[in-house]
Amino acid sequence: MVSIVSMPSQLDPFVDQCVLIFCNQKRNAISILRYDSNGFILVSQKLLDGMKFQWPKTPEEVKQISPRQVEWLFQRLEIEQKKALHPVEMNLKNTCL
């Protein structure tokens, strides 16, 4: 099966920071496509036993996610972890010294 993907104008697949994630229709397999300076790297994972990945149902639900959220996606966790520790930026305003 061949699919044509149209890219939103703000995404450039030839930039190291851009990672494209695709999911099949059954939501039991994902593929990650990333460019490095020598070409593209393709990583895929397929789930067994009726398991499914969390995946947007409409184009409006599509969003950018962090590398940590990609890791959660591969672990079949919700990508919106309410109790996860979030990075804290230290500065003079939020320290007690």
C-alpha atoms as a PDB file:
ATOM      1  CA  MET A   1       0.000   0.000   0.000  1.00  0.00           C
ATOM      2  CA  VAL A   2       1.366   3.412  -0.951  1.00  0.00           C
ATOM      3  CA  SER A   3       0.226   6.638   0.669  1.00  0.00           C
ATOM      4  CA  ILE A   4       1.001  10.208  -0.235  1.00  0.00           C
ATOM      5  CA  VAL A   5       1.641  12.435   2.753  1.00  0.00           C
ATOM      6  CA  SER A   6       1.134  16.161   2.484  1.00  0.00           C
ATOM      7  CA  MET A   7       3.401  18.114   4.810  1.00  0.00           C
ATOM      8  CA  PRO A   8       2.223  21.153   6.731  1.00  0.00           C
ATOM      9  CA  SER A   9       4.304  24.119   5.564  1.00  0.00           C
ATOM     10  CA  GLN A  10       6.086  24.597   8.932  1.00  0.00           C
ATOM     11  CA  LEU A  11       7.596  21.090   8.952  1.00  0.00           C
ATOM     12  CA  ASP A  12      10.849  20.300   7.209  1.00  0.00           C
ATOM     13  CA  PRO A  13      11.681  16.553   7.201  1.00  0.00           C
ATOM     14  CA  PHE A  14      15.332  17.362   6.396  1.00  0.00           C
ATOM     15  CA  VAL A  15      15.932  19.065   9.768  1.00  0.00           C
ATOM     16  CA  ASP A  16      17.423  16.976  12.597  1.00  0.00           C
ATOM     17  CA  GLN A  17      14.799  18.178  15.104  1.00  0.00           C
ATOM     18  CA  CYS A  18      11.885  16.981  12.942  1.00  0.00           C
ATOM     19  CA  VAL A  19      10.610  13.435  13.458  1.00  0.00           C
ATOM     20  CA  LEU A  20       7.589  12.196  11.537  1.00  0.00           C
ATOM     21  CA  ILE A  21       5.391   9.553  13.166  1.00  0.00           C
ATOM     22  CA  PHE A  22       2.887   7.528  11.166  1.00  0.00           C
ATOM     23  CA  CYS A  23       0.279   5.033  12.372  1.00  0.00           C
ATOM     24  CA  ASN A  24      -1.573   2.380  10.407  1.00  0.00           C
ATOM     25  CA  GLN A  25      -5.369   2.332  10.179  1.00  0.00           C
ATOM     26  CA  LYS A  26      -5.756  -0.392  12.822  1.00  0.00           C
ATOM     27  CA  ARG A  27      -3.602   1.700  15.222  1.00  0.00           C
ATOM     28  CA  ASN A  28      -1.486  -1.357  16.071  1.00  0.00           C
ATOM     29  CA  ALA A  29       1.708  -0.247  14.284  1.00  0.00           C
ATOM     30  CA  ILE A  30       3.658   2.990  14.132  1.00  0.00           C
ATOM     31  CA  SER A  31       6.639   4.069  12.056  1.00  0.00           C
ATOM     32  CA  ILE A  32       9.008   6.898  12.887  1.00  0.00           C
ATOM     33  CA  LEU A  33      10.939   8.626  10.129  1.00  0.00           C
ATOM     34  CA  ARG A  34      13.918  10.848  10.958  1.00  0.00           C
ATOM     35  CA  TYR A  35      16.547  12.420   8.756  1.00  0.00           C
ATOM     36  CA  ASP A  36      20.208  12.475   9.699  1.00  0.00           C
ATOM     37  CA  SER A  37      22.890  13.985   7.490  1.00  0.00           C
ATOM     38  CA  ASN A  38      23.369  10.680   5.609  1.00  0.00           C
ATOM     39  CA  GLY A  39      19.749   9.821   4.853  1.00  0.00           C
ATOM     40  CA  PHE A  40      16.544   8.729   6.554  1.00  0.00           C
ATOM     41  CA  ILE A  41      16.203   6.384   9.533  1.00  0.00           C
ATOM     42  CA  LEU A  42      13.008   4.325   9.808  1.00  0.00           C
ATOM     43  CA  VAL A  43      11.929   2.732  13.095  1.00  0.00           C
ATOM     44  CA  SER A  44       8.712   0.779  13.480  1.00  0.00           C
ATOM     45  CA  GLN A  45       6.838  -1.075  16.165  1.00  0.00           C
ATOM     46  CA  LYS A  46       3.867  -3.423  15.825  1.00  0.00           C
ATOM     47  CA  LEU A  47       1.663  -4.397  18.742  1.00  0.00           C
ATOM     48  CA  LEU A  48       0.156  -7.850  19.221  1.00  0.00           C
ATOM     49  CA  ASP A  49      -2.970  -9.252  20.871  1.00  0.00           C
ATOM     50  CA  GLY A  50      -5.411  -6.462  19.994  1.00  0.00           C
ATOM     51  CA  MET A  51      -3.404  -3.669  21.647  1.00  0.00           C
ATOM     52  CA  LYS A  52      -3.613  -0.189  20.099  1.00  0.00           C
ATOM     53  CA  PHE A  53      -1.596   3.008  20.140  1.00  0.00           C
ATOM     54  CA  GLN A  54      -3.094   6.266  21.322  1.00  0.00           C
ATOM     55  CA  TRP A  55      -3.579   8.199  18.086  1.00  0.00           C
ATOM     56  CA  PRO A  56      -5.515  11.303  16.972  1.00  0.00           C
ATOM     57  CA  LYS A  57      -8.856  10.579  15.352  1.00  0.00           C
ATOM     58  CA  THR A  58      -9.199  13.874  13.468  1.00  0.00           C
ATOM     59  CA  PRO A  59      -6.708  16.273  11.842  1.00  0.00           C
ATOM     60  CA  GLU A  60      -7.595  18.835  14.520  1.00  0.00           C
ATOM     61  CA  GLU A  61      -6.244  16.501  17.225  1.00  0.00           C
ATOM     62  CA  VAL A  62      -2.796  16.257  15.556  1.00  0.00           C
ATOM     63  CA  LYS A  63      -0.111  18.078  17.531  1.00  0.00           C
ATOM     64  CA  GLN A  64       3.600  18.286  18.148  1.00  0.00           C
ATOM     65  CA  ILE A  65       4.874  16.083  20.967  1.00  0.00           C
ATOM     66  CA  SER A  66       8.128  16.038  22.898  1.00  0.00           C
ATOM     67  CA  PRO A  67      10.760  13.276  22.732  1.00  0.00           C
ATOM     68  CA  ARG A  68       9.553  12.146  26.165  1.00  0.00           C
ATOM     69  CA  GLN A  69       5.992  11.847  24.841  1.00  0.00           C
ATOM     70  CA  VAL A  70       7.279   9.742  21.922  1.00  0.00           C
ATOM     71  CA  GLU A  71       8.823   7.421  24.492  1.00  0.00           C
ATOM     72  CA  TRP A  72       5.474   7.209  26.317  1.00  0.00           C
ATOM     73  CA  LEU A  73       3.748   6.496  22.997  1.00  0.00           C
ATOM     74  CA  PHE A  74       6.060   3.512  22.401  1.00  0.00           C
ATOM     75  CA  GLN A  75       5.266   2.287  25.920  1.00  0.00           C
ATOM     76  CA  ARG A  76       1.515   2.540  25.156  1.00  0.00           C
ATOM     77  CA  LEU A  77       1.060   5.211  27.839  1.00  0.00           C
ATOM     78  CA  GLU A  78      -1.057   8.333  27.560  1.00  0.00           C
ATOM     79  CA  ILE A  79       1.046  11.120  26.048  1.00  0.00           C
ATOM     80  CA  GLU A  80      -0.534  13.586  28.485  1.00  0.00           C
ATOM     81  CA  GLN A  81       0.889  12.318  31.789  1.00  0.00           C
ATOM     82  CA  LYS A  82      -0.698  14.473  34.508  1.00  0.00           C
ATOM     83  CA  LYS A  83       1.630  13.263  37.301  1.00  0.00           C
ATOM     84  CA  ALA A  84       4.885  13.144  35.337  1.00  0.00           C
ATOM     85  CA  LEU A  85       7.758  15.257  36.520  1.00  0.00           C
ATOM     86  CA  HIS A  86       8.179  18.235  34.240  1.00  0.00           C
ATOM     87  CA  PRO A  87      11.456  20.056  33.585  1.00  0.00           C
ATOM     88  CA  VAL A  88      11.998  23.060  35.850  1.00  0.00           C
ATOM     89  CA  GLU A  89      14.061  26.025  34.798  1.00  0.00           C
ATOM     90  CA  MET A  90      16.077  27.398  37.686  1.00  0.00           C
ATOM     91  CA  ASN A  91      16.413  31.170  37.944  1.00  0.00           C
ATOM     92  CA  LEU A  92      16.597  33.833  40.656  1.00  0.00           C
ATOM     93  CA  LYS A  93      12.807  34.165  40.843  1.00  0.00           C
ATOM     94  CA  ASN A  94      12.081  30.541  41.766  1.00  0.00           C
ATOM     95  CA  THR A  95      14.983  29.799  44.131  1.00  0.00           C
ATOM     96  CA  CYS A  96      15.108  30.390  47.865  1.00  0.00           C
ATOM     97  CA  LEU A  97      18.694  31.629  48.098  1.00  0.00           C
END
